[in-house]
Amino acid sequence: MSTDPALEVAGNMALQAAAPPRPPRGAVRLSPLSGPVGTTVTVSISNFPANSTINIDFNGQRVTTVTTGANGAGTAMFVVPEGTAKGEREVRASGGSPLTFGCAGLTVR
């Protein structure tokens, strides 16, 4: 018999403890998908918890928040900050209960 707490043996059948549930995934859409520093980006989210405050992070830094409507969708805007290096950058939306997240890529030119 295994002493591993994640494994339980019942007769000849081994049952593995259930993995913790993954947070729900929301959808994140950006417009435009690329641009230079100073570009205003519109972030549209859906499939998030209704009537929730969702944080919008760009390149690891909070840039704005959006409150979803009863349908779990919302829209916010931010400006690509001065000093952002060129290349692919992540826009991440997270929040609500249950915690929901989603991300999209933005190319800084």
PDB file of N, CA and C in Angstrom:
ATOM      1  N   MET A   1       0.847  -1.173   0.000  1.00  0.00           N
ATOM      2  CA  MET A   1       0.000   0.000   0.000  1.00  0.00           C
ATOM      3  C   MET A   1       0.893   1.237   0.000  1.00  0.00           C
ATOM      4  N   SER A   2       0.528   2.217  -0.817  1.00  0.00           N
ATOM      5  CA  SER A   2       1.305   3.439  -0.946  1.00  0.00           C
ATOM      6  C   SER A   2       1.127   4.322   0.285  1.00  0.00           C
ATOM      7  N   THR A   3       2.191   5.015   0.654  1.00  0.00           N
ATOM      8  CA  THR A   3       2.100   5.988   1.737  1.00  0.00           C
ATOM      9  C   THR A   3       1.949   7.400   1.187  1.00  0.00           C
ATOM     10  N   ASP A   4       1.841   7.518  -0.134  1.00  0.00           N
ATOM     11  CA  ASP A   4       1.658   8.813  -0.790  1.00  0.00           C
ATOM     12  C   ASP A   4       0.248   9.311  -0.474  1.00  0.00           C
ATOM     13  N   PRO A   5       0.108  10.498   0.183  1.00  0.00           N
ATOM     14  CA  PRO A   5      -1.227  10.980   0.544  1.00  0.00           C
ATOM     15  C   PRO A   5      -2.078  11.317  -0.669  1.00  0.00           C
ATOM     16  N   ALA A   6      -1.458  11.502  -1.842  1.00  0.00           N
ATOM     17  CA  ALA A   6      -2.233  11.833  -3.038  1.00  0.00           C
ATOM     18  C   ALA A   6      -2.793  10.580  -3.697  1.00  0.00           C
ATOM     19  N   LEU A   7      -2.480   9.402  -3.150  1.00  0.00           N
ATOM     20  CA  LEU A   7      -2.912   8.154  -3.754  1.00  0.00           C
ATOM     21  C   LEU A   7      -3.662   7.328  -2.720  1.00  0.00           C
ATOM     22  N   GLU A   8      -4.823   6.869  -3.099  1.00  0.00           N
ATOM     23  CA  GLU A   8      -5.613   6.043  -2.204  1.00  0.00           C
ATOM     24  C   GLU A   8      -5.867   4.720  -2.905  1.00  0.00           C
ATOM     25  N   VAL A   9      -5.652   3.627  -2.222  1.00  0.00           N
ATOM     26  CA  VAL A   9      -5.830   2.315  -2.834  1.00  0.00           C
ATOM     27  C   VAL A   9      -7.105   1.696  -2.298  1.00  0.00           C
ATOM     28  N   ALA A  10      -7.969   1.303  -3.196  1.00  0.00           N
ATOM     29  CA  ALA A  10      -9.227   0.655  -2.821  1.00  0.00           C
ATOM     30  C   ALA A  10      -9.289  -0.667  -3.565  1.00  0.00           C
ATOM     31  N   GLY A  11      -9.027  -1.765  -2.863  1.00  0.00           N
ATOM     32  CA  GLY A  11      -8.993  -3.070  -3.513  1.00  0.00           C
ATOM     33  C   GLY A  11      -7.862  -3.093  -4.519  1.00  0.00           C
ATOM     34  N   ASN A  12      -8.153  -3.472  -5.737  1.00  0.00           N
ATOM     35  CA  ASN A  12      -7.143  -3.505  -6.788  1.00  0.00           C
ATOM     36  C   ASN A  12      -7.148  -2.231  -7.625  1.00  0.00           C
ATOM     37  N   MET A  13      -7.965  -1.250  -7.276  1.00  0.00           N
ATOM     38  CA  MET A  13      -8.086  -0.040  -8.085  1.00  0.00           C
ATOM     39  C   MET A  13      -7.437   1.140  -7.354  1.00  0.00           C
ATOM     40  N   ALA A  14      -6.515   1.816  -8.033  1.00  0.00           N
ATOM     41  CA  ALA A  14      -5.865   2.990  -7.458  1.00  0.00           C
ATOM     42  C   ALA A  14      -6.633   4.232  -7.886  1.00  0.00           C
ATOM     43  N   LEU A  15      -6.963   5.074  -6.928  1.00  0.00           N
ATOM     44  CA  LEU A  15      -7.652   6.329  -7.206  1.00  0.00           C
ATOM     45  C   LEU A  15      -6.717   7.475  -6.878  1.00  0.00           C
ATOM     46  N   GLN A  16      -6.492   8.341  -7.835  1.00  0.00           N
ATOM     47  CA  GLN A  16      -5.622   9.479  -7.597  1.00  0.00           C
ATOM     48  C   GLN A  16      -6.477  10.668  -7.176  1.00  0.00           C
ATOM     49  N   ALA A  17      -5.962  11.418  -6.230  1.00  0.00           N
ATOM     50  CA  ALA A  17      -6.685  12.605  -5.770  1.00  0.00           C
ATOM     51  C   ALA A  17      -6.921  13.527  -6.953  1.00  0.00           C
ATOM     52  N   ALA A  18      -8.082  14.150  -6.972  1.00  0.00           N
ATOM     53  CA  ALA A  18      -8.428  15.059  -8.059  1.00  0.00           C
ATOM     54  C   ALA A  18      -7.499  16.266  -8.048  1.00  0.00           C
ATOM     55  N   ALA A  19      -7.086  16.677  -9.244  1.00  0.00           N
ATOM     56  CA  ALA A  19      -6.268  17.879  -9.370  1.00  0.00           C
ATOM     57  C   ALA A  19      -7.130  19.080  -9.004  1.00  0.00           C
ATOM     58  N   PRO A  20      -6.506  20.124  -8.438  1.00  0.00           N
ATOM     59  CA  PRO A  20      -7.300  21.317  -8.121  1.00  0.00           C
ATOM     60  C   PRO A  20      -7.895  21.895  -9.400  1.00  0.00           C
ATOM     61  N   PRO A  21      -9.100  22.427  -9.331  1.00  0.00           N
ATOM     62  CA  PRO A  21      -9.722  22.960 -10.541  1.00  0.00           C
ATOM     63  C   PRO A  21      -8.950  24.157 -11.077  1.00  0.00           C
ATOM     64  N   ARG A  22      -8.912  24.253 -12.381  1.00  0.00           N
ATOM     65  CA  ARG A  22      -8.285  25.413 -13.023  1.00  0.00           C
ATOM     66  C   ARG A  22      -9.264  26.575 -12.986  1.00  0.00           C
ATOM     67  N   PRO A  23      -8.727  27.791 -12.848  1.00  0.00           N
ATOM     68  CA  PRO A  23      -9.630  28.950 -12.889  1.00  0.00           C
ATOM     69  C   PRO A  23     -10.326  29.024 -14.245  1.00  0.00           C
ATOM     70  N   PRO A  24     -11.561  29.487 -14.271  1.00  0.00           N
ATOM     71  CA  PRO A  24     -12.251  29.641 -15.554  1.00  0.00           C
ATOM     72  C   PRO A  24     -11.507  30.599 -16.471  1.00  0.00           C
ATOM     73  N   ARG A  25     -11.621  30.374 -17.772  1.00  0.00           N
ATOM     74  CA  ARG A  25     -10.962  31.229 -18.764  1.00  0.00           C
ATOM     75  C   ARG A  25     -11.962  32.211 -19.345  1.00  0.00           C
ATOM     76  N   GLY A  26     -11.591  33.474 -19.337  1.00  0.00           N
ATOM     77  CA  GLY A  26     -12.367  34.495 -20.001  1.00  0.00           C
ATOM     78  C   GLY A  26     -11.733  34.792 -21.356  1.00  0.00           C
ATOM     79  N   ALA A  27     -12.473  35.449 -22.204  1.00  0.00           N
ATOM     80  CA  ALA A  27     -11.958  35.838 -23.519  1.00  0.00           C
ATOM     81  C   ALA A  27     -11.491  37.285 -23.473  1.00  0.00           C
ATOM     82  N   VAL A  28     -10.333  37.545 -24.099  1.00  0.00           N
ATOM     83  CA  VAL A  28      -9.771  38.895 -24.179  1.00  0.00           C
ATOM     84  C   VAL A  28      -9.480  39.187 -25.642  1.00  0.00           C
ATOM     85  N   ARG A  29     -10.015  40.306 -26.131  1.00  0.00           N
ATOM     86  CA  ARG A  29      -9.755  40.730 -27.510  1.00  0.00           C
ATOM     87  C   ARG A  29      -9.204  42.149 -27.483  1.00  0.00           C
ATOM     88  N   LEU A  30      -8.212  42.394 -28.340  1.00  0.00           N
ATOM     89  CA  LEU A  30      -7.557  43.697 -28.396  1.00  0.00           C
ATOM     90  C   LEU A  30      -7.784  44.346 -29.758  1.00  0.00           C
ATOM     91  N   SER A  31      -7.837  45.669 -29.751  1.00  0.00           N
ATOM     92  CA  SER A  31      -7.878  46.427 -30.991  1.00  0.00           C
ATOM     93  C   SER A  31      -7.155  47.751 -30.766  1.00  0.00           C
ATOM     94  N   PRO A  32      -6.099  48.010 -31.517  1.00  0.00           N
ATOM     95  CA  PRO A  32      -5.478  47.161 -32.532  1.00  0.00           C
ATOM     96  C   PRO A  32      -4.646  46.061 -31.876  1.00  0.00           C
ATOM     97  N   LEU A  33      -4.119  45.147 -32.704  1.00  0.00           N
ATOM     98  CA  LEU A  33      -3.273  44.062 -32.211  1.00  0.00           C
ATOM     99  C   LEU A  33      -1.805  44.457 -32.132  1.00  0.00           C
ATOM    100  N   SER A  34      -1.465  45.612 -32.728  1.00  0.00           N
ATOM    101  CA  SER A  34      -0.082  46.092 -32.676  1.00  0.00           C
ATOM    102  C   SER A  34      -0.059  47.600 -32.837  1.00  0.00           C
ATOM    103  N   GLY A  35       1.050  48.192 -32.395  1.00  0.00           N
ATOM    104  CA  GLY A  35       1.216  49.632 -32.526  1.00  0.00           C
ATOM    105  C   GLY A  35       2.418  50.095 -31.732  1.00  0.00           C
ATOM    106  N   PRO A  36       2.836  51.335 -31.950  1.00  0.00           N
ATOM    107  CA  PRO A  36       3.981  51.885 -31.225  1.00  0.00           C
ATOM    108  C   PRO A  36       3.591  52.374 -29.838  1.00  0.00           C
ATOM    109  N   VAL A  37       4.570  52.766 -29.055  1.00  0.00           N
ATOM    110  CA  VAL A  37       4.322  53.425 -27.768  1.00  0.00           C
ATOM    111  C   VAL A  37       3.365  54.583 -28.022  1.00  0.00           C
ATOM    112  N   GLY A  38       2.428  54.788 -27.117  1.00  0.00           N
ATOM    113  CA  GLY A  38       1.443  55.857 -27.265  1.00  0.00           C
ATOM    114  C   GLY A  38       0.147  55.412 -27.913  1.00  0.00           C
ATOM    115  N   THR A  39       0.099  54.185 -28.420  1.00  0.00           N
ATOM    116  CA  THR A  39      -1.116  53.661 -29.047  1.00  0.00           C
ATOM    117  C   THR A  39      -2.202  53.448 -27.990  1.00  0.00           C
ATOM    118  N   THR A  40      -3.423  53.871 -28.292  1.00  0.00           N
ATOM    119  CA  THR A  40      -4.567  53.580 -27.434  1.00  0.00           C
ATOM    120  C   THR A  40      -5.110  52.211 -27.834  1.00  0.00           C
ATOM    121  N   VAL A  41      -5.196  51.320 -26.860  1.00  0.00           N
ATOM    122  CA  VAL A  41      -5.645  49.945 -27.084  1.00  0.00           C
ATOM    123  C   VAL A  41      -6.998  49.753 -26.408  1.00  0.00           C
ATOM    124  N   THR A  42      -7.947  49.201 -27.150  1.00  0.00           N
ATOM    125  CA  THR A  42      -9.242  48.847 -26.593  1.00  0.00           C
ATOM    126  C   THR A  42      -9.209  47.372 -26.220  1.00  0.00           C
ATOM    127  N   VAL A  43      -9.568  47.083 -24.980  1.00  0.00           N
ATOM    128  CA  VAL A  43      -9.602  45.713 -24.460  1.00  0.00           C
ATOM    129  C   VAL A  43     -11.068  45.342 -24.263  1.00  0.00           C
ATOM    130  N   SER A  44     -11.511  44.309 -24.975  1.00  0.00           N
ATOM    131  CA  SER A  44     -12.881  43.808 -24.830  1.00  0.00           C
ATOM    132  C   SER A  44     -12.813  42.439 -24.178  1.00  0.00           C
ATOM    133  N   ILE A  45     -13.564  42.253 -23.096  1.00  0.00           N
ATOM    134  CA  ILE A  45     -13.549  40.973 -22.398  1.00  0.00           C
ATOM    135  C   ILE A  45     -14.955  40.371 -22.394  1.00  0.00           C
ATOM    136  N   SER A  46     -15.005  39.046 -22.336  1.00  0.00           N
ATOM    137  CA  SER A  46     -16.280  38.330 -22.220  1.00  0.00           C
ATOM    138  C   SER A  46     -16.038  37.028 -21.469  1.00  0.00           C
ATOM    139  N   ASN A  47     -17.112  36.403 -21.042  1.00  0.00           N
ATOM    140  CA  ASN A  47     -17.055  35.153 -20.271  1.00  0.00           C
ATOM    141  C   ASN A  47     -16.409  35.332 -18.897  1.00  0.00           C
ATOM    142  N   PHE A  48     -16.540  36.521 -18.319  1.00  0.00           N
ATOM    143  CA  PHE A  48     -16.078  36.788 -16.957  1.00  0.00           C
ATOM    144  C   PHE A  48     -17.305  36.815 -16.048  1.00  0.00           C
ATOM    145  N   PRO A  49     -17.113  36.721 -14.731  1.00  0.00           N
ATOM    146  CA  PRO A  49     -18.265  36.795 -13.825  1.00  0.00           C
ATOM    147  C   PRO A  49     -19.036  38.121 -13.995  1.00  0.00           C
ATOM    148  N   ALA A  50     -20.338  38.038 -13.897  1.00  0.00           N
ATOM    149  CA  ALA A  50     -21.195  39.216 -14.056  1.00  0.00           C
ATOM    150  C   ALA A  50     -20.957  40.224 -12.942  1.00  0.00           C
ATOM    151  N   ASN A  51     -21.078  41.497 -13.301  1.00  0.00           N
ATOM    152  CA  ASN A  51     -21.031  42.608 -12.343  1.00  0.00           C
ATOM    153  C   ASN A  51     -19.795  42.549 -11.442  1.00  0.00           C
ATOM    154  N   SER A  52     -18.644  42.294 -12.055  1.00  0.00           N
ATOM    155  CA  SER A  52     -17.380  42.145 -11.313  1.00  0.00           C
ATOM    156  C   SER A  52     -16.338  43.138 -11.804  1.00  0.00           C
ATOM    157  N   THR A  53     -15.448  43.540 -10.893  1.00  0.00           N
ATOM    158  CA  THR A  53     -14.322  44.379 -11.270  1.00  0.00           C
ATOM    159  C   THR A  53     -13.197  43.467 -11.752  1.00  0.00           C
ATOM    160  N   ILE A  54     -12.729  43.725 -12.964  1.00  0.00           N
ATOM    161  CA  ILE A  54     -11.680  42.920 -13.588  1.00  0.00           C
ATOM    162  C   ILE A  54     -10.461  43.808 -13.791  1.00  0.00           C
ATOM    163  N   ASN A  55      -9.303  43.321 -13.344  1.00  0.00           N
ATOM    164  CA  ASN A  55      -8.046  44.057 -13.509  1.00  0.00           C
ATOM    165  C   ASN A  55      -7.473  43.800 -14.894  1.00  0.00           C
ATOM    166  N   ILE A  56      -6.963  44.852 -15.510  1.00  0.00           N
ATOM    167  CA  ILE A  56      -6.297  44.738 -16.805  1.00  0.00           C
ATOM    168  C   ILE A  56      -4.834  45.105 -16.596  1.00  0.00           C
ATOM    169  N   ASP A  57      -3.949  44.146 -16.869  1.00  0.00           N
ATOM    170  CA  ASP A  57      -2.505  44.347 -16.730  1.00  0.00           C
ATOM    171  C   ASP A  57      -1.847  44.291 -18.105  1.00  0.00           C
ATOM    172  N   PHE A  58      -0.902  45.180 -18.316  1.00  0.00           N
ATOM    173  CA  PHE A  58      -0.119  45.196 -19.552  1.00  0.00           C
ATOM    174  C   PHE A  58       1.344  45.043 -19.179  1.00  0.00           C
ATOM    175  N   ASN A  59       1.973  44.031 -19.746  1.00  0.00           N
ATOM    176  CA  ASN A  59       3.402  43.815 -19.502  1.00  0.00           C
ATOM    177  C   ASN A  59       3.689  43.696 -18.001  1.00  0.00           C
ATOM    178  N   GLY A  60       2.743  43.083 -17.268  1.00  0.00           N
ATOM    179  CA  GLY A  60       2.934  42.845 -15.835  1.00  0.00           C
ATOM    180  C   GLY A  60       2.544  44.001 -14.926  1.00  0.00           C
ATOM    181  N   GLN A  61       2.045  45.097 -15.474  1.00  0.00           N
ATOM    182  CA  GLN A  61       1.672  46.268 -14.675  1.00  0.00           C
ATOM    183  C   GLN A  61       0.187  46.584 -14.857  1.00  0.00           C
ATOM    184  N   ARG A  62      -0.495  46.901 -13.762  1.00  0.00           N
ATOM    185  CA  ARG A  62      -1.907  47.273 -13.841  1.00  0.00           C
ATOM    186  C   ARG A  62      -2.038  48.567 -14.627  1.00  0.00           C
ATOM    187  N   VAL A  63      -2.906  48.573 -15.646  1.00  0.00           N
ATOM    188  CA  VAL A  63      -3.115  49.785 -16.436  1.00  0.00           C
ATOM    189  C   VAL A  63      -4.544  50.317 -16.321  1.00  0.00           C
ATOM    190  N   THR A  64      -5.498  49.450 -15.968  1.00  0.00           N
ATOM    191  CA  THR A  64      -6.877  49.904 -15.804  1.00  0.00           C
ATOM    192  C   THR A  64      -7.708  48.773 -15.207  1.00  0.00           C
ATOM    193  N   THR A  65      -8.948  49.059 -14.932  1.00  0.00           N
ATOM    194  CA  THR A  65      -9.913  48.042 -14.516  1.00  0.00           C
ATOM    195  C   THR A  65     -11.173  48.230 -15.352  1.00  0.00           C
ATOM    196  N   VAL A  66     -11.996  47.209 -15.376  1.00  0.00           N
ATOM    197  CA  VAL A  66     -13.285  47.289 -16.069  1.00  0.00           C
ATOM    198  C   VAL A  66     -14.305  46.546 -15.214  1.00  0.00           C
ATOM    199  N   THR A  67     -15.514  47.079 -15.153  1.00  0.00           N
ATOM    200  CA  THR A  67     -16.597  46.399 -14.452  1.00  0.00           C
ATOM    201  C   THR A  67     -17.480  45.731 -15.496  1.00  0.00           C
ATOM    202  N   THR A  68     -17.654  44.415 -15.341  1.00  0.00           N
ATOM    203  CA  THR A  68     -18.472  43.681 -16.297  1.00  0.00           C
ATOM    204  C   THR A  68     -19.945  43.950 -16.057  1.00  0.00           C
ATOM    205  N   GLY A  69     -20.716  43.773 -17.106  1.00  0.00           N
ATOM    206  CA  GLY A  69     -22.163  43.897 -16.992  1.00  0.00           C
ATOM    207  C   GLY A  69     -22.774  42.566 -16.580  1.00  0.00           C
ATOM    208  N   ALA A  70     -24.083  42.503 -16.614  1.00  0.00           N
ATOM    209  CA  ALA A  70     -24.803  41.286 -16.245  1.00  0.00           C
ATOM    210  C   ALA A  70     -24.451  40.117 -17.161  1.00  0.00           C
ATOM    211  N   ASN A  71     -23.944  40.419 -18.362  1.00  0.00           N
ATOM    212  CA  ASN A  71     -23.567  39.371 -19.321  1.00  0.00           C
ATOM    213  C   ASN A  71     -22.104  38.936 -19.181  1.00  0.00           C
ATOM    214  N   GLY A  72     -21.365  39.488 -18.214  1.00  0.00           N
ATOM    215  CA  GLY A  72     -19.972  39.103 -18.013  1.00  0.00           C
ATOM    216  C   GLY A  72     -19.006  39.702 -19.007  1.00  0.00           C
ATOM    217  N   ALA A  73     -19.425  40.755 -19.694  1.00  0.00           N
ATOM    218  CA  ALA A  73     -18.581  41.407 -20.698  1.00  0.00           C
ATOM    219  C   ALA A  73     -18.317  42.861 -20.310  1.00  0.00           C
ATOM    220  N   GLY A  74     -17.257  43.416 -20.879  1.00  0.00           N
ATOM    221  CA  GLY A  74     -16.926  44.809 -20.640  1.00  0.00           C
ATOM    222  C   GLY A  74     -15.829  45.273 -21.576  1.00  0.00           C
ATOM    223  N   THR A  75     -15.615  46.576 -21.592  1.00  0.00           N
ATOM    224  CA  THR A  75     -14.614  47.186 -22.470  1.00  0.00           C
ATOM    225  C   THR A  75     -13.862  48.254 -21.695  1.00  0.00           C
ATOM    226  N   ALA A  76     -12.562  48.312 -21.915  1.00  0.00           N
ATOM    227  CA  ALA A  76     -11.714  49.341 -21.308  1.00  0.00           C
ATOM    228  C   ALA A  76     -10.656  49.749 -22.324  1.00  0.00           C
ATOM    229  N   MET A  77      -9.978  50.847 -22.042  1.00  0.00           N
ATOM    230  CA  MET A  77      -8.899  51.312 -22.916  1.00  0.00           C
ATOM    231  C   MET A  77      -7.688  51.673 -22.074  1.00  0.00           C
ATOM    232  N   PHE A  78      -6.509  51.537 -22.681  1.00  0.00           N
ATOM    233  CA  PHE A  78      -5.277  52.006 -22.054  1.00  0.00           C
ATOM    234  C   PHE A  78      -4.337  52.450 -23.161  1.00  0.00           C
ATOM    235  N   VAL A  79      -3.315  53.211 -22.774  1.00  0.00           N
ATOM    236  CA  VAL A  79      -2.302  53.689 -23.708  1.00  0.00           C
ATOM    237  C   VAL A  79      -1.009  52.936 -23.442  1.00  0.00           C
ATOM    238  N   VAL A  80      -0.371  52.441 -24.517  1.00  0.00           N
ATOM    239  CA  VAL A  80       0.918  51.761 -24.367  1.00  0.00           C
ATOM    240  C   VAL A  80       1.904  52.772 -23.795  1.00  0.00           C
ATOM    241  N   PRO A  81       2.447  52.503 -22.597  1.00  0.00           N
ATOM    242  CA  PRO A  81       3.272  53.496 -21.905  1.00  0.00           C
ATOM    243  C   PRO A  81       4.635  53.754 -22.555  1.00  0.00           C
ATOM    244  N   GLU A  82       5.115  54.973 -22.352  1.00  0.00           N
ATOM    245  CA  GLU A  82       6.480  55.329 -22.765  1.00  0.00           C
ATOM    246  C   GLU A  82       7.455  54.344 -22.134  1.00  0.00           C
ATOM    247  N   GLY A  83       8.509  54.019 -22.847  1.00  0.00           N
ATOM    248  CA  GLY A  83       9.540  53.141 -22.313  1.00  0.00           C
ATOM    249  C   GLY A  83       9.255  51.660 -22.508  1.00  0.00           C
ATOM    250  N   THR A  84       8.090  51.315 -23.081  1.00  0.00           N
ATOM    251  CA  THR A  84       7.791  49.902 -23.341  1.00  0.00           C
ATOM    252  C   THR A  84       8.672  49.411 -24.487  1.00  0.00           C
ATOM    253  N   ALA A  85       9.382  48.319 -24.250  1.00  0.00           N
ATOM    254  CA  ALA A  85      10.261  47.754 -25.280  1.00  0.00           C
ATOM    255  C   ALA A  85       9.433  47.165 -26.420  1.00  0.00           C
ATOM    256  N   LYS A  86       9.998  47.191 -27.614  1.00  0.00           N
ATOM    257  CA  LYS A  86       9.342  46.591 -28.774  1.00  0.00           C
ATOM    258  C   LYS A  86       9.263  45.084 -28.596  1.00  0.00           C
ATOM    259  N   GLY A  87       8.254  44.492 -29.221  1.00  0.00           N
ATOM    260  CA  GLY A  87       8.081  43.047 -29.182  1.00  0.00           C
ATOM    261  C   GLY A  87       6.705  42.658 -28.685  1.00  0.00           C
ATOM    262  N   GLU A  88       6.509  41.360 -28.528  1.00  0.00           N
ATOM    263  CA  GLU A  88       5.231  40.813 -28.075  1.00  0.00           C
ATOM    264  C   GLU A  88       5.083  41.051 -26.571  1.00  0.00           C
ATOM    265  N   ARG A  89       3.955  41.611 -26.165  1.00  0.00           N
ATOM    266  CA  ARG A  89       3.665  41.892 -24.765  1.00  0.00           C
ATOM    267  C   ARG A  89       2.314  41.287 -24.412  1.00  0.00           C
ATOM    268  N   GLU A  90       2.139  40.938 -23.136  1.00  0.00           N
ATOM    269  CA  GLU A  90       0.902  40.303 -22.695  1.00  0.00           C
ATOM    270  C   GLU A  90      -0.055  41.322 -22.087  1.00  0.00           C
ATOM    271  N   VAL A  91      -1.316  41.209 -22.468  1.00  0.00           N
ATOM    272  CA  VAL A  91      -2.405  41.922 -21.815  1.00  0.00           C
ATOM    273  C   VAL A  91      -3.211  40.849 -21.097  1.00  0.00           C
ATOM    274  N   ARG A  92      -3.338  40.993 -19.777  1.00  0.00           N
ATOM    275  CA  ARG A  92      -3.985  39.966 -18.953  1.00  0.00           C
ATOM    276  C   ARG A  92      -5.153  40.587 -18.205  1.00  0.00           C
ATOM    277  N   ALA A  93      -6.283  39.916 -18.250  1.00  0.00           N
ATOM    278  CA  ALA A  93      -7.469  40.323 -17.491  1.00  0.00           C
ATOM    279  C   ALA A  93      -7.710  39.279 -16.417  1.00  0.00           C
ATOM    280  N   SER A  94      -7.953  39.724 -15.178  1.00  0.00           N
ATOM    281  CA  SER A  94      -8.193  38.768 -14.099  1.00  0.00           C
ATOM    282  C   SER A  94      -9.077  39.393 -13.024  1.00  0.00           C
ATOM    283  N   GLY A  95      -9.916  38.565 -12.437  1.00  0.00           N
ATOM    284  CA  GLY A  95     -10.751  39.030 -11.342  1.00  0.00           C
ATOM    285  C   GLY A  95     -12.069  38.296 -11.303  1.00  0.00           C
ATOM    286  N   GLY A  96     -12.941  38.758 -10.427  1.00  0.00           N
ATOM    287  CA  GLY A  96     -14.255  38.163 -10.275  1.00  0.00           C
ATOM    288  C   GLY A  96     -14.245  36.991  -9.324  1.00  0.00           C
ATOM    289  N   SER A  97     -15.435  36.455  -9.095  1.00  0.00           N
ATOM    290  CA  SER A  97     -15.584  35.288  -8.240  1.00  0.00           C
ATOM    291  C   SER A  97     -16.574  34.351  -8.922  1.00  0.00           C
ATOM    292  N   PRO A  98     -16.114  33.184  -9.354  1.00  0.00           N
ATOM    293  CA  PRO A  98     -14.779  32.632  -9.127  1.00  0.00           C
ATOM    294  C   PRO A  98     -13.738  33.392  -9.943  1.00  0.00           C
ATOM    295  N   LEU A  99     -12.488  33.374  -9.439  1.00  0.00           N
ATOM    296  CA  LEU A  99     -11.400  34.046 -10.137  1.00  0.00           C
ATOM    297  C   LEU A  99     -11.351  33.545 -11.569  1.00  0.00           C
ATOM    298  N   THR A 100     -11.388  34.474 -12.505  1.00  0.00           N
ATOM    299  CA  THR A 100     -11.377  34.165 -13.929  1.00  0.00           C
ATOM    300  C   THR A 100     -10.264  34.968 -14.561  1.00  0.00           C
ATOM    301  N   PHE A 101      -9.606  34.398 -15.560  1.00  0.00           N
ATOM    302  CA  PHE A 101      -8.535  35.130 -16.229  1.00  0.00           C
ATOM    303  C   PHE A 101      -8.527  34.829 -17.713  1.00  0.00           C
ATOM    304  N   GLY A 102      -7.890  35.705 -18.440  1.00  0.00           N
ATOM    305  CA  GLY A 102      -7.682  35.519 -19.877  1.00  0.00           C
ATOM    306  C   GLY A 102      -6.573  36.449 -20.305  1.00  0.00           C
ATOM    307  N   CYS A 103      -5.941  36.158 -21.420  1.00  0.00           N
ATOM    308  CA  CYS A 103      -4.871  37.022 -21.907  1.00  0.00           C
ATOM    309  C   CYS A 103      -4.834  37.043 -23.418  1.00  0.00           C
ATOM    310  N   ALA A 104      -4.155  38.057 -23.916  1.00  0.00           N
ATOM    311  CA  ALA A 104      -3.982  38.237 -25.356  1.00  0.00           C
ATOM    312  C   ALA A 104      -2.638  38.920 -25.569  1.00  0.00           C
ATOM    313  N   GLY A 105      -2.101  38.766 -26.770  1.00  0.00           N
ATOM    314  CA  GLY A 105      -0.804  39.383 -27.088  1.00  0.00           C
ATOM    315  C   GLY A 105      -0.968  40.676 -27.851  1.00  0.00           C
ATOM    316  N   LEU A 106      -0.110  41.631 -27.540  1.00  0.00           N
ATOM    317  CA  LEU A 106      -0.040  42.921 -28.225  1.00  0.00           C
ATOM    318  C   LEU A 106       1.392  43.113 -28.688  1.00  0.00           C
ATOM    319  N   THR A 107       1.584  43.398 -29.968  1.00  0.00           N
ATOM    320  CA  THR A 107       2.925  43.627 -30.485  1.00  0.00           C
ATOM    321  C   THR A 107       3.224  45.116 -30.474  1.00  0.00           C
ATOM    322  N   VAL A 108       4.262  45.502 -29.734  1.00  0.00           N
ATOM    323  CA  VAL A 108       4.699  46.890 -29.698  1.00  0.00           C
ATOM    324  C   VAL A 108       5.751  47.042 -30.781  1.00  0.00           C
ATOM    325  N   ARG A 109       5.521  47.973 -31.703  1.00  0.00           N
ATOM    326  CA  ARG A 109       6.450  48.181 -32.844  1.00  0.00           C
ATOM    327  C   ARG A 109       7.354  49.361 -32.594  1.00  0.00           C
TER     328      ARG A 109
END
